[in-house]
Amino acid sequence: MNRFSRWRGGFKNFWRAFRHNRLGLLGLIMLAAAIVIAVFAPLIAPTDPYARVRVKVEDIYAPPSAAHPFGTDDAGKDVLSAFIALLELAKRGTLSLAQPEPFAPMVIRRESPREAA
């Protein structure tokens, strides 16, 4: 008996059970979409999230529109572009979770590329 045949049978059983779990499939689809967005981030982002913008009062916390599908934040910047930039940073490995104390909230921290490597 081949040692991989037991693994293959285990994977078939896992996949059979997994594909009937709707929330599991939804999570897998969301994870795959996040990976694809992270890989193609510079091509997908509608605006540059690091660019300076001239903000008008009506641009702050603007609701979703055709120009800004997820709306804008408190600085008047596009939330979708910021989300895509965050996925790209996570892909590079320059983001880390920090929790200084046991009951403190989790914080997403950006490290320099030298620290991440």
Protein backbone atom coordinates (compact mmCIF):
# COMPACT_ATOMS: atom_id res chain seq x y z
CA MET A 1 0.00 0.00 0.00
CA ASN A 2 1.35 3.38 -1.01
CA ARG A 3 1.76 5.80 1.89
CA PHE A 4 0.16 8.60 -0.14
CA SER A 5 -3.01 6.64 -0.92
CA ARG A 6 -4.20 7.06 2.67
CA TRP A 7 -3.54 10.82 2.43
CA ARG A 8 -5.39 11.03 -0.88
CA GLY A 9 -8.38 9.20 0.59
CA GLY A 10 -8.27 11.55 3.59
CA PHE A 11 -8.29 14.56 1.29
CA LYS A 12 -11.24 13.17 -0.67
CA ASN A 13 -13.18 12.68 2.55
CA PHE A 14 -12.23 16.17 3.72
CA TRP A 15 -13.26 17.77 0.42
CA ARG A 16 -16.54 15.84 0.34
CA ALA A 17 -17.46 17.16 3.78
CA PHE A 18 -16.03 20.65 3.13
CA ARG A 19 -17.91 21.33 -0.10
CA HIS A 20 -21.25 20.82 1.67
CA ASN A 21 -20.36 23.44 4.29
CA ARG A 22 -21.60 26.72 2.80
CA LEU A 23 -19.79 28.97 5.27
CA GLY A 24 -16.56 27.07 4.68
CA LEU A 25 -16.86 27.55 0.93
CA LEU A 26 -17.70 31.23 1.41
CA GLY A 27 -14.57 31.64 3.53
CA LEU A 28 -12.47 29.84 0.91
CA ILE A 29 -13.85 32.11 -1.84
CA MET A 30 -13.17 35.22 0.25
CA LEU A 31 -9.62 34.06 0.97
CA ALA A 32 -8.98 33.34 -2.70
CA ALA A 33 -10.38 36.76 -3.67
CA ALA A 34 -8.14 38.49 -1.10
CA ILE A 35 -5.09 36.68 -2.46
CA VAL A 36 -5.93 37.62 -6.07
CA ILE A 37 -6.53 41.25 -5.05
CA ALA A 38 -3.23 41.34 -3.15
CA VAL A 39 -1.31 39.98 -6.14
CA PHE A 40 -2.85 42.43 -8.62
CA ALA A 41 -3.19 45.37 -6.19
CA PRO A 42 -1.42 48.05 -8.26
CA LEU A 43 -3.64 47.26 -11.25
CA ILE A 44 -6.92 47.05 -9.32
CA ALA A 45 -6.74 50.04 -6.95
CA PRO A 46 -8.90 52.89 -8.30
CA THR A 47 -6.78 55.63 -6.67
CA ASP A 48 -3.38 55.92 -5.04
CA PRO A 49 -3.95 55.46 -1.29
CA TYR A 50 -0.74 57.33 -0.44
CA ALA A 51 -1.40 60.39 -2.60
CA ARG A 52 -2.33 63.69 -1.02
CA VAL A 53 -5.90 64.79 -1.70
CA ARG A 54 -7.62 68.13 -1.45
CA VAL A 55 -10.54 67.50 0.84
CA LYS A 56 -13.88 69.25 0.87
CA VAL A 57 -16.25 68.82 3.79
CA GLU A 58 -18.67 66.75 1.71
CA ASP A 59 -15.83 64.30 0.84
CA ILE A 60 -15.27 63.30 4.47
CA TYR A 61 -17.14 60.07 5.33
CA ALA A 62 -18.91 60.17 1.97
CA PRO A 63 -21.26 57.23 1.37
CA PRO A 64 -20.48 54.65 -1.33
CA SER A 65 -20.77 55.96 -4.88
CA ALA A 66 -19.56 55.06 -8.37
CA ALA A 67 -16.29 56.95 -7.78
CA HIS A 68 -15.75 55.44 -4.29
CA PRO A 69 -17.42 51.98 -4.03
CA PHE A 70 -16.69 51.65 -0.28
CA GLY A 71 -17.04 55.37 0.47
CA THR A 72 -14.36 57.64 1.94
CA ASP A 73 -12.66 57.85 5.31
CA ASP A 74 -12.09 60.77 7.70
CA ALA A 75 -9.32 62.13 5.45
CA GLY A 76 -11.52 62.00 2.34
CA LYS A 77 -9.53 59.11 0.82
CA ASP A 78 -11.02 56.11 -0.94
CA VAL A 79 -11.59 53.21 1.50
CA LEU A 80 -11.36 50.56 -1.25
CA SER A 81 -7.88 51.77 -2.24
CA ALA A 82 -6.77 51.72 1.39
CA PHE A 83 -8.08 48.17 1.79
CA ILE A 84 -6.26 47.01 -1.34
CA ALA A 85 -3.05 48.69 -0.14
CA LEU A 86 -3.44 46.90 3.21
CA LEU A 87 -3.76 43.55 1.41
CA GLU A 88 -0.65 44.34 -0.62
CA LEU A 89 1.32 45.15 2.54
CA ALA A 90 0.14 41.92 4.11
CA LYS A 91 1.30 40.05 1.01
CA ARG A 92 4.76 41.56 1.36
CA GLY A 93 4.91 40.47 4.97
CA THR A 94 5.36 43.98 6.31
CA LEU A 95 2.33 43.85 8.59
CA SER A 96 2.28 42.19 11.95
CA LEU A 97 -0.19 41.85 14.77
CA ALA A 98 0.93 43.32 18.04
CA GLN A 99 -0.64 42.76 21.41
CA PRO A 100 1.51 44.36 24.11
CA GLU A 101 -0.44 43.00 27.07
CA PRO A 102 -2.69 39.95 27.50
CA PHE A 103 -5.95 41.93 27.64
CA ALA A 104 -4.95 44.80 25.36
CA PRO A 105 -6.60 45.08 21.94
CA MET A 106 -4.84 43.68 18.89
CA VAL A 107 -3.11 46.31 16.77
CA ILE A 108 -2.04 46.00 13.14
CA ARG A 109 1.48 47.41 12.97
CA ARG A 110 3.46 48.24 9.85
CA GLU A 111 7.10 47.20 10.01
CA SER A 112 9.89 48.42 7.80
CA PRO A 113 10.79 45.99 4.99
CA ARG A 114 14.19 45.35 6.63
CA GLU A 115 12.53 44.13 9.83
CA ALA A 116 10.14 41.83 7.93
CA ALA A 117 12.91 40.17 5.92
